[in-house]
PDB file of N, CA and C in Angstrom:
ATOM      1  N   MET A   1     183.969  38.942   7.737  1.00  0.00           N
ATOM      2  CA  MET A   1     183.767  38.486   6.380  1.00  0.00           C
ATOM      3  C   MET A   1     182.343  38.006   6.142  1.00  0.00           C
ATOM      4  N   GLY A   2     181.760  37.346   7.119  1.00  0.00           N
ATOM      5  CA  GLY A   2     180.413  36.822   6.965  1.00  0.00           C
ATOM      6  C   GLY A   2     179.380  37.921   6.813  1.00  0.00           C
ATOM      7  N   MET A   3     179.666  39.104   7.346  1.00  0.00           N
ATOM      8  CA  MET A   3     178.705  40.199   7.285  1.00  0.00           C
ATOM      9  C   MET A   3     178.528  40.687   5.840  1.00  0.00           C
ATOM     10  N   PHE A   4     179.591  40.703   5.047  1.00  0.00           N
ATOM     11  CA  PHE A   4     179.514  41.205   3.685  1.00  0.00           C
ATOM     12  C   PHE A   4     178.751  40.255   2.769  1.00  0.00           C
ATOM     13  N   ASN A   5     178.781  38.976   3.063  1.00  0.00           N
ATOM     14  CA  ASN A   5     178.085  38.008   2.225  1.00  0.00           C
ATOM     15  C   ASN A   5     176.589  38.001   2.470  1.00  0.00           C
ATOM     16  N   SER A   6     176.148  38.441   3.650  1.00  0.00           N
ATOM     17  CA  SER A   6     174.734  38.341   3.991  1.00  0.00           C
ATOM     18  C   SER A   6     173.968  39.637   3.746  1.00  0.00           C
ATOM     19  N   MET A   7     174.609  40.664   3.193  1.00  0.00           N
ATOM     20  CA  MET A   7     173.901  41.924   2.953  1.00  0.00           C
ATOM     21  C   MET A   7     172.941  41.775   1.783  1.00  0.00           C
ATOM     22  N   ARG A   8     171.704  42.182   2.003  1.00  0.00           N
ATOM     23  CA  ARG A   8     170.691  42.085   0.954  1.00  0.00           C
ATOM     24  C   ARG A   8     170.607  43.392   0.185  1.00  0.00           C
ATOM     25  N   LYS A   9     170.087  43.307  -1.044  1.00  0.00           N
ATOM     26  CA  LYS A   9     169.878  44.509  -1.848  1.00  0.00           C
ATOM     27  C   LYS A   9     168.694  45.280  -1.263  1.00  0.00           C
ATOM     28  N   PRO A  10     168.736  46.589  -1.335  1.00  0.00           N
ATOM     29  CA  PRO A  10     167.589  47.354  -0.854  1.00  0.00           C
ATOM     30  C   PRO A  10     166.373  47.138  -1.747  1.00  0.00           C
ATOM     31  N   ARG A  11     165.230  47.362  -1.169  1.00  0.00           N
ATOM     32  CA  ARG A  11     163.979  47.187  -1.895  1.00  0.00           C
ATOM     33  C   ARG A  11     163.875  48.224  -3.014  1.00  0.00           C
ATOM     34  N   GLY A  12     163.403  47.813  -4.165  1.00  0.00           N
ATOM     35  CA  GLY A  12     163.272  48.722  -5.301  1.00  0.00           C
ATOM     36  C   GLY A  12     162.143  49.716  -5.107  1.00  0.00           C
ATOM     37  N   PHE A  13     162.211  50.837  -5.793  1.00  0.00           N
ATOM     38  CA  PHE A  13     161.202  51.878  -5.695  1.00  0.00           C
ATOM     39  C   PHE A  13     160.106  51.606  -6.704  1.00  0.00           C
ATOM     40  N   ASN A  14     158.872  51.566  -6.248  1.00  0.00           N
ATOM     41  CA  ASN A  14     157.731  51.332  -7.133  1.00  0.00           C
ATOM     42  C   ASN A  14     156.650  52.335  -6.766  1.00  0.00           C
ATOM     43  N   HIS A  15     156.506  53.376  -7.581  1.00  0.00           N
ATOM     44  CA  HIS A  15     155.534  54.428  -7.290  1.00  0.00           C
ATOM     45  C   HIS A  15     154.174  54.062  -7.858  1.00  0.00           C
ATOM     46  N   GLN A  16     153.166  53.998  -7.005  1.00  0.00           N
ATOM     47  CA  GLN A  16     151.802  53.729  -7.435  1.00  0.00           C
ATOM     48  C   GLN A  16     151.037  55.046  -7.478  1.00  0.00           C
ATOM     49  N   TYR A  17     150.446  55.359  -8.626  1.00  0.00           N
ATOM     50  CA  TYR A  17     149.679  56.586  -8.758  1.00  0.00           C
ATOM     51  C   TYR A  17     148.355  56.445  -8.008  1.00  0.00           C
ATOM     52  N   ILE A  18     147.977  57.473  -7.300  1.00  0.00           N
ATOM     53  CA  ILE A  18     146.750  57.440  -6.507  1.00  0.00           C
ATOM     54  C   ILE A  18     145.572  57.977  -7.307  1.00  0.00           C
ATOM     55  N   TYR A  19     145.749  59.090  -7.981  1.00  0.00           N
ATOM     56  CA  TYR A  19     144.647  59.792  -8.621  1.00  0.00           C
ATOM     57  C   TYR A  19     144.509  59.503 -10.109  1.00  0.00           C
ATOM     58  N   VAL A  20     145.134  58.461 -10.600  1.00  0.00           N
ATOM     59  CA  VAL A  20     145.063  58.132 -12.021  1.00  0.00           C
ATOM     60  C   VAL A  20     144.349  56.802 -12.178  1.00  0.00           C
ATOM     61  N   ASP A  21     143.331  56.784 -13.016  1.00  0.00           N
ATOM     62  CA  ASP A  21     142.611  55.551 -13.304  1.00  0.00           C
ATOM     63  C   ASP A  21     142.927  55.167 -14.752  1.00  0.00           C
ATOM     64  N   GLU A  22     143.846  54.237 -14.924  1.00  0.00           N
ATOM     65  CA  GLU A  22     144.290  53.846 -16.265  1.00  0.00           C
ATOM     66  C   GLU A  22     143.147  53.228 -17.064  1.00  0.00           C
ATOM     67  N   ARG A  23     142.300  52.475 -16.395  1.00  0.00           N
ATOM     68  CA  ARG A  23     141.173  51.834 -17.076  1.00  0.00           C
ATOM     69  C   ARG A  23     140.237  52.890 -17.653  1.00  0.00           C
ATOM     70  N   LYS A  24     139.980  53.942 -16.881  1.00  0.00           N
ATOM     71  CA  LYS A  24     139.092  55.007 -17.327  1.00  0.00           C
ATOM     72  C   LYS A  24     139.693  55.769 -18.512  1.00  0.00           C
ATOM     73  N   GLU A  25     140.995  56.033 -18.462  1.00  0.00           N
ATOM     74  CA  GLU A  25     141.663  56.722 -19.569  1.00  0.00           C
ATOM     75  C   GLU A  25     141.640  55.882 -20.837  1.00  0.00           C
ATOM     76  N   LYS A  26     141.874  54.578 -20.696  1.00  0.00           N
ATOM     77  CA  LYS A  26     141.861  53.683 -21.850  1.00  0.00           C
ATOM     78  C   LYS A  26     140.461  53.633 -22.467  1.00  0.00           C
ATOM     79  N   LEU A  27     139.442  53.597 -21.622  1.00  0.00           N
ATOM     80  CA  LEU A  27     138.071  53.581 -22.098  1.00  0.00           C
ATOM     81  C   LEU A  27     137.727  54.875 -22.836  1.00  0.00           C
ATOM     82  N   ALA A  28     138.201  56.009 -22.319  1.00  0.00           N
ATOM     83  CA  ALA A  28     137.943  57.297 -22.978  1.00  0.00           C
ATOM     84  C   ALA A  28     138.624  57.351 -24.347  1.00  0.00           C
ATOM     85  N   LYS A  29     139.850  56.801 -24.455  1.00  0.00           N
ATOM     86  CA  LYS A  29     140.540  56.770 -25.751  1.00  0.00           C
ATOM     87  C   LYS A  29     139.792  55.886 -26.750  1.00  0.00           C
ATOM     88  N   MET A  30     139.279  54.746 -26.257  1.00  0.00           N
ATOM     89  CA  MET A  30     138.519  53.852 -27.141  1.00  0.00           C
ATOM     90  C   MET A  30     137.247  54.532 -27.643  1.00  0.00           C
ATOM     91  N   GLU A  31     136.556  55.253 -26.749  1.00  0.00           N
ATOM     92  CA  GLU A  31     135.344  55.971 -27.154  1.00  0.00           C
ATOM     93  C   GLU A  31     135.660  57.048 -28.188  1.00  0.00           C
ATOM     94  N   GLU A  32     136.744  57.782 -27.966  1.00  0.00           N
ATOM     95  CA  GLU A  32     137.129  58.842 -28.903  1.00  0.00           C
ATOM     96  C   GLU A  32     137.472  58.254 -30.272  1.00  0.00           C
ATOM     97  N   LYS A  33     138.177  57.132 -30.271  1.00  0.00           N
ATOM     98  CA  LYS A  33     138.542  56.487 -31.538  1.00  0.00           C
ATOM     99  C   LYS A  33     137.296  55.993 -32.272  1.00  0.00           C
ATOM    100  N   ALA A  34     136.346  55.437 -31.526  1.00  0.00           N
ATOM    101  CA  ALA A  34     135.104  54.953 -32.149  1.00  0.00           C
ATOM    102  C   ALA A  34     134.320  56.111 -32.742  1.00  0.00           C
ATOM    103  N   ARG A  35     134.254  57.239 -32.020  1.00  0.00           N
ATOM    104  CA  ARG A  35     133.535  58.411 -32.548  1.00  0.00           C
ATOM    105  C   ARG A  35     134.204  58.951 -33.807  1.00  0.00           C
ATOM    106  N   ARG A  36     135.561  58.923 -33.835  1.00  0.00           N
ATOM    107  CA  ARG A  36     136.271  59.381 -35.038  1.00  0.00           C
ATOM    108  C   ARG A  36     135.988  58.441 -36.213  1.00  0.00           C
ATOM    109  N   ASP A  37     135.959  57.126 -35.934  1.00  0.00           N
ATOM    110  CA  ASP A  37     135.685  56.156 -36.996  1.00  0.00           C
ATOM    111  C   ASP A  37     134.270  56.312 -37.550  1.00  0.00           C
ATOM    112  N   LEU A  38     133.319  56.690 -36.694  1.00  0.00           N
ATOM    113  CA  LEU A  38     131.940  56.866 -37.136  1.00  0.00           C
ATOM    114  C   LEU A  38     131.707  58.218 -37.798  1.00  0.00           C
ATOM    115  N   GLY A  39     132.668  59.122 -37.705  1.00  0.00           N
ATOM    116  CA  GLY A  39     132.556  60.428 -38.337  1.00  0.00           C
ATOM    117  C   GLY A  39     131.915  61.477 -37.443  1.00  0.00           C
ATOM    118  N   MET A  40     131.752  61.194 -36.180  1.00  0.00           N
ATOM    119  CA  MET A  40     131.161  62.158 -35.252  1.00  0.00           C
ATOM    120  C   MET A  40     132.156  63.247 -34.854  1.00  0.00           C
ATOM    121  N   LEU A  41     133.450  62.927 -34.909  1.00  0.00           N
ATOM    122  CA  LEU A  41     134.509  63.884 -34.593  1.00  0.00           C
ATOM    123  C   LEU A  41     135.406  64.048 -35.810  1.00  0.00           C
ATOM    124  N   PRO A  42     136.045  65.217 -35.979  1.00  0.00           N
ATOM    125  CA  PRO A  42     136.962  65.383 -37.119  1.00  0.00           C
ATOM    126  C   PRO A  42     138.218  64.523 -36.928  1.00  0.00           C
ATOM    127  N   GLU A  43     138.887  64.255 -38.053  1.00  0.00           N
ATOM    128  CA  GLU A  43     140.110  63.455 -38.010  1.00  0.00           C
ATOM    129  C   GLU A  43     141.176  64.131 -37.162  1.00  0.00           C
ATOM    130  N   LYS A  44     141.894  63.340 -36.428  1.00  0.00           N
ATOM    131  CA  LYS A  44     142.962  63.852 -35.574  1.00  0.00           C
ATOM    132  C   LYS A  44     144.236  63.979 -36.401  1.00  0.00           C
ATOM    133  N   GLU A  45     144.971  65.079 -36.237  1.00  0.00           N
ATOM    134  CA  GLU A  45     146.206  65.256 -36.995  1.00  0.00           C
ATOM    135  C   GLU A  45     147.309  64.371 -36.414  1.00  0.00           C
ATOM    136  N   PHE A  46     148.310  64.081 -37.233  1.00  0.00           N
ATOM    137  CA  PHE A  46     149.381  63.171 -36.855  1.00  0.00           C
ATOM    138  C   PHE A  46     150.201  63.748 -35.710  1.00  0.00           C
ATOM    139  N   ASN A  47     150.459  62.907 -34.711  1.00  0.00           N
ATOM    140  CA  ASN A  47     151.283  63.276 -33.566  1.00  0.00           C
ATOM    141  C   ASN A  47     152.277  62.146 -33.323  1.00  0.00           C
ATOM    142  N   PRO A  48     153.584  62.413 -33.371  1.00  0.00           N
ATOM    143  CA  PRO A  48     154.565  61.338 -33.179  1.00  0.00           C
ATOM    144  C   PRO A  48     154.471  60.676 -31.811  1.00  0.00           C
ATOM    145  N   GLU A  49     153.940  61.365 -30.824  1.00  0.00           N
ATOM    146  CA  GLU A  49     153.819  60.776 -29.489  1.00  0.00           C
ATOM    147  C   GLU A  49     152.821  59.622 -29.476  1.00  0.00           C
ATOM    148  N   ASP A  50     151.904  59.590 -30.435  1.00  0.00           N
ATOM    149  CA  ASP A  50     150.909  58.518 -30.476  1.00  0.00           C
ATOM    150  C   ASP A  50     151.526  57.173 -30.832  1.00  0.00           C
ATOM    151  N   ILE A  51     152.612  57.180 -31.609  1.00  0.00           N
ATOM    152  CA  ILE A  51     153.212  55.912 -32.027  1.00  0.00           C
ATOM    153  C   ILE A  51     154.452  55.546 -31.223  1.00  0.00           C
ATOM    154  N   ARG A  52     154.867  56.412 -30.309  1.00  0.00           N
ATOM    155  CA  ARG A  52     156.072  56.144 -29.521  1.00  0.00           C
ATOM    156  C   ARG A  52     155.857  54.930 -28.616  1.00  0.00           C
ATOM    157  N   GLY A  53     156.759  53.954 -28.699  1.00  0.00           N
ATOM    158  CA  GLY A  53     156.706  52.780 -27.832  1.00  0.00           C
ATOM    159  C   GLY A  53     155.824  51.657 -28.335  1.00  0.00           C
ATOM    160  N   LYS A  54     155.202  51.797 -29.487  1.00  0.00           N
ATOM    161  CA  LYS A  54     154.304  50.754 -29.998  1.00  0.00           C
ATOM    162  C   LYS A  54     155.076  49.505 -30.412  1.00  0.00           C
ATOM    163  N   PHE A  55     156.301  49.670 -30.928  1.00  0.00           N
ATOM    164  CA  PHE A  55     157.092  48.502 -31.331  1.00  0.00           C
ATOM    165  C   PHE A  55     157.495  47.680 -30.117  1.00  0.00           C
ATOM    166  N   ILE A  56     157.860  48.349 -29.046  1.00  0.00           N
ATOM    167  CA  ILE A  56     158.270  47.651 -27.824  1.00  0.00           C
ATOM    168  C   ILE A  56     157.082  46.919 -27.218  1.00  0.00           C
ATOM    169  N   GLU A  57     155.895  47.505 -27.289  1.00  0.00           N
ATOM    170  CA  GLU A  57     154.712  46.846 -26.739  1.00  0.00           C
ATOM    171  C   GLU A  57     154.364  45.580 -27.503  1.00  0.00           C
ATOM    172  N   GLY A  58     154.746  45.503 -28.763  1.00  0.00           N
ATOM    173  CA  GLY A  58     154.384  44.362 -29.587  1.00  0.00           C
ATOM    174  C   GLY A  58     155.326  43.176 -29.457  1.00  0.00           C
ATOM    175  N   THR A  59     156.488  43.348 -28.880  1.00  0.00           N
ATOM    176  CA  THR A  59     157.454  42.255 -28.775  1.00  0.00           C
ATOM    177  C   THR A  59     157.706  41.918 -27.313  1.00  0.00           C
ATOM    178  N   THR A  60     157.675  40.637 -26.997  1.00  0.00           N
ATOM    179  CA  THR A  60     157.800  40.221 -25.593  1.00  0.00           C
ATOM    180  C   THR A  60     159.220  40.400 -25.070  1.00  0.00           C
ATOM    181  N   HIS A  61     160.240  40.115 -25.903  1.00  0.00           N
ATOM    182  CA  HIS A  61     161.605  40.210 -25.396  1.00  0.00           C
ATOM    183  C   HIS A  61     162.003  41.660 -25.126  1.00  0.00           C
ATOM    184  N   LEU A  62     161.520  42.599 -25.935  1.00  0.00           N
ATOM    185  CA  LEU A  62     161.829  44.008 -25.677  1.00  0.00           C
ATOM    186  C   LEU A  62     161.074  44.527 -24.456  1.00  0.00           C
ATOM    187  N   LYS A  63     159.872  44.015 -24.225  1.00  0.00           N
ATOM    188  CA  LYS A  63     159.127  44.394 -23.029  1.00  0.00           C
ATOM    189  C   LYS A  63     159.876  43.950 -21.776  1.00  0.00           C
ATOM    190  N   ARG A  64     160.403  42.720 -21.812  1.00  0.00           N
ATOM    191  CA  ARG A  64     161.147  42.213 -20.651  1.00  0.00           C
ATOM    192  C   ARG A  64     162.416  43.023 -20.434  1.00  0.00           C
ATOM    193  N   ARG A  65     163.128  43.376 -21.513  1.00  0.00           N
ATOM    194  CA  ARG A  65     164.361  44.157 -21.373  1.00  0.00           C
ATOM    195  C   ARG A  65     164.064  45.538 -20.803  1.00  0.00           C
ATOM    196  N   LYS A  66     162.986  46.163 -21.267  1.00  0.00           N
ATOM    197  CA  LYS A  66     162.622  47.479 -20.768  1.00  0.00           C
ATOM    198  C   LYS A  66     162.222  47.412 -19.298  1.00  0.00           C
ATOM    199  N   ALA A  67     161.521  46.360 -18.923  1.00  0.00           N
ATOM    200  CA  ALA A  67     161.087  46.215 -17.530  1.00  0.00           C
ATOM    201  C   ALA A  67     162.281  45.983 -16.602  1.00  0.00           C
ATOM    202  N   SER A  68     163.288  45.250 -17.075  1.00  0.00           N
ATOM    203  CA  SER A  68     164.442  44.973 -16.220  1.00  0.00           C
ATOM    204  C   SER A  68     165.425  46.134 -16.201  1.00  0.00           C
ATOM    205  N   GLY A  69     165.374  47.008 -17.195  1.00  0.00           N
ATOM    206  CA  GLY A  69     166.279  48.155 -17.240  1.00  0.00           C
ATOM    207  C   GLY A  69     167.665  47.803 -17.744  1.00  0.00           C
ATOM    208  N   ARG A  70     167.830  46.612 -18.303  1.00  0.00           N
ATOM    209  CA  ARG A  70     169.130  46.161 -18.787  1.00  0.00           C
ATOM    210  C   ARG A  70     169.429  46.780 -20.145  1.00  0.00           C
ATOM    211  N   LYS A  71     170.651  47.220 -20.327  1.00  0.00           N
ATOM    212  CA  LYS A  71     171.069  47.804 -21.605  1.00  0.00           C
ATOM    213  C   LYS A  71     171.842  46.755 -22.406  1.00  0.00           C
ATOM    214  N   PRO A  72     171.688  46.746 -23.740  1.00  0.00           N
ATOM    215  CA  PRO A  72     172.460  45.808 -24.545  1.00  0.00           C
ATOM    216  C   PRO A  72     173.929  46.225 -24.619  1.00  0.00           C
ATOM    217  N   ALA A  73     174.804  45.253 -24.769  1.00  0.00           N
ATOM    218  CA  ALA A  73     176.233  45.546 -24.888  1.00  0.00           C
ATOM    219  C   ALA A  73     176.487  46.270 -26.210  1.00  0.00           C
ATOM    220  N   SER A  74     177.297  47.298 -26.170  1.00  0.00           N
ATOM    221  CA  SER A  74     177.552  48.054 -27.387  1.00  0.00           C
ATOM    222  C   SER A  74     178.541  47.310 -28.285  1.00  0.00           C
ATOM    223  N   PHE A  75     178.496  47.630 -29.554  1.00  0.00           N
ATOM    224  CA  PHE A  75     179.339  46.980 -30.545  1.00  0.00           C
ATOM    225  C   PHE A  75     180.818  47.263 -30.275  1.00  0.00           C
ATOM    226  N   GLY A  76     181.137  48.474 -29.831  1.00  0.00           N
ATOM    227  CA  GLY A  76     182.528  48.835 -29.547  1.00  0.00           C
ATOM    228  C   GLY A  76     183.122  48.023 -28.416  1.00  0.00           C
ATOM    229  N   ILE A  77     182.361  47.790 -27.371  1.00  0.00           N
ATOM    230  CA  ILE A  77     182.855  47.001 -26.238  1.00  0.00           C
ATOM    231  C   ILE A  77     183.134  45.571 -26.674  1.00  0.00           C
ATOM    232  N   ILE A  78     182.254  45.026 -27.491  1.00  0.00           N
ATOM    233  CA  ILE A  78     182.452  43.655 -27.975  1.00  0.00           C
ATOM    234  C   ILE A  78     183.722  43.570 -28.822  1.00  0.00           C
ATOM    235  N   LEU A  79     183.972  44.561 -29.680  1.00  0.00           N
ATOM    236  CA  LEU A  79     185.193  44.561 -30.500  1.00  0.00           C
ATOM    237  C   LEU A  79     186.452  44.671 -29.637  1.00  0.00           C
ATOM    238  N   ILE A  80     186.414  45.492 -28.612  1.00  0.00           N
ATOM    239  CA  ILE A  80     187.571  45.641 -27.719  1.00  0.00           C
ATOM    240  C   ILE A  80     187.860  44.322 -27.004  1.00  0.00           C
ATOM    241  N   ILE A  81     186.836  43.641 -26.548  1.00  0.00           N
ATOM    242  CA  ILE A  81     187.030  42.350 -25.866  1.00  0.00           C
ATOM    243  C   ILE A  81     187.607  41.323 -26.827  1.00  0.00           C
ATOM    244  N   ILE A  82     187.119  41.282 -28.066  1.00  0.00           N
ATOM    245  CA  ILE A  82     187.644  40.331 -29.057  1.00  0.00           C
ATOM    246  C   ILE A  82     189.107  40.641 -29.368  1.00  0.00           C
ATOM    247  N   ALA A  83     189.445  41.925 -29.524  1.00  0.00           N
ATOM    248  CA  ALA A  83     190.833  42.299 -29.809  1.00  0.00           C
ATOM    249  C   ALA A  83     191.747  41.905 -28.658  1.00  0.00           C
ATOM    250  N   PHE A  84     191.314  42.111 -27.433  1.00  0.00           N
ATOM    251  CA  PHE A  84     192.116  41.728 -26.271  1.00  0.00           C
ATOM    252  C   PHE A  84     192.320  40.217 -26.219  1.00  0.00           C
ATOM    253  N   LEU A  85     191.271  39.451 -26.498  1.00  0.00           N
ATOM    254  CA  LEU A  85     191.400  37.992 -26.486  1.00  0.00           C
ATOM    255  C   LEU A  85     192.335  37.502 -27.593  1.00  0.00           C
ATOM    256  N   LEU A  86     192.278  38.134 -28.776  1.00  0.00           N
ATOM    257  CA  LEU A  86     193.213  37.762 -29.846  1.00  0.00           C
ATOM    258  C   LEU A  86     194.653  38.090 -29.463  1.00  0.00           C
ATOM    259  N   TYR A  87     194.861  39.230 -28.815  1.00  0.00           N
ATOM    260  CA  TYR A  87     196.196  39.618 -28.364  1.00  0.00           C
ATOM    261  C   TYR A  87     196.717  38.639 -27.304  1.00  0.00           C
ATOM    262  N   LEU A  88     195.853  38.234 -26.391  1.00  0.00           N
ATOM    263  CA  LEU A  88     196.225  37.263 -25.363  1.00  0.00           C
ATOM    264  C   LEU A  88     196.532  35.905 -25.992  1.00  0.00           C
ATOM    265  N   TRP A  89     195.748  35.519 -26.978  1.00  0.00           N
ATOM    266  CA  TRP A  89     195.980  34.241 -27.665  1.00  0.00           C
ATOM    267  C   TRP A  89     197.330  34.257 -28.390  1.00  0.00           C
ATOM    268  N   HIS A  90     197.650  35.407 -29.015  1.00  0.00           N
ATOM    269  CA  HIS A  90     198.940  35.546 -29.691  1.00  0.00           C
ATOM    270  C   HIS A  90     200.092  35.405 -28.689  1.00  0.00           C
ATOM    271  N   TYR A  91     199.949  36.015 -27.512  1.00  0.00           N
ATOM    272  CA  TYR A  91     200.997  35.907 -26.488  1.00  0.00           C
ATOM    273  C   TYR A  91     201.153  34.467 -26.031  1.00  0.00           C
ATOM    274  N   LEU A  92     200.044  33.772 -25.819  1.00  0.00           N
ATOM    275  CA  LEU A  92     200.129  32.378 -25.359  1.00  0.00           C
ATOM    276  C   LEU A  92     200.713  31.471 -26.433  1.00  0.00           C
ATOM    277  N   ALA A  93     200.495  31.774 -27.702  1.00  0.00           N
ATOM    278  CA  ALA A  93     200.995  30.931 -28.791  1.00  0.00           C
ATOM    279  C   ALA A  93     202.469  31.183 -29.049  1.00  0.00           C
ATOM    280  N   THR A  94     202.920  32.476 -28.996  1.00  0.00           N
ATOM    281  CA  THR A  94     204.307  32.783 -29.362  1.00  0.00           C
ATOM    282  C   THR A  94     205.200  33.033 -28.148  1.00  0.00           C
ATOM    283  N   GLY A  95     204.664  33.475 -27.051  1.00  0.00           N
ATOM    284  CA  GLY A  95     205.461  33.742 -25.872  1.00  0.00           C
ATOM    285  C   GLY A  95     206.011  35.165 -25.825  1.00  0.00           C
ATOM    286  N   SER A  96     205.651  36.018 -26.775  1.00  0.00           N
ATOM    287  CA  SER A  96     206.106  37.411 -26.749  1.00  0.00           C
ATOM    288  C   SER A  96     204.902  38.332 -26.939  1.00  0.00           C
ATOM    289  N   TRP A  97     205.006  39.555 -26.356  1.00  0.00           N
ATOM    290  CA  TRP A  97     203.914  40.502 -26.419  1.00  0.00           C
ATOM    291  C   TRP A  97     203.894  41.313 -27.717  1.00  0.00           C
ATOM    292  N   SER A  98     204.968  41.302 -28.467  1.00  0.00           N
ATOM    293  CA  SER A  98     205.015  42.118 -29.693  1.00  0.00           C
ATOM    294  C   SER A  98     204.573  41.310 -30.903  1.00  0.00           C
ATOM    295  N   PHE A  99     204.072  42.015 -31.887  1.00  0.00           N
ATOM    296  CA  PHE A  99     203.626  41.354 -33.131  1.00  0.00           C
ATOM    297  C   PHE A  99     204.761  41.227 -34.058  1.00  0.00           C
TER     298      PHE A  99
END
């Protein structure tokens, strides 16, 4: 029995990119944006991938949820739990399982 209580979780997987320099890419994007603002480059057409994830980056609680990988409880599961608790309460109050 003691063996099952002392088992640790395995170490999580964390892949570090070797050949990617995020700082350099960010700097290149800033330079490109500045050149577009100054009129040196033509306007860039709309791309939905450019705005993907911007809302999550702006809120701290969503960033934490995304980092932990936790999913929110669905509305259906919450309703099922409430219905079960009401049914159990009815049984405890009346002593019979039927309505």
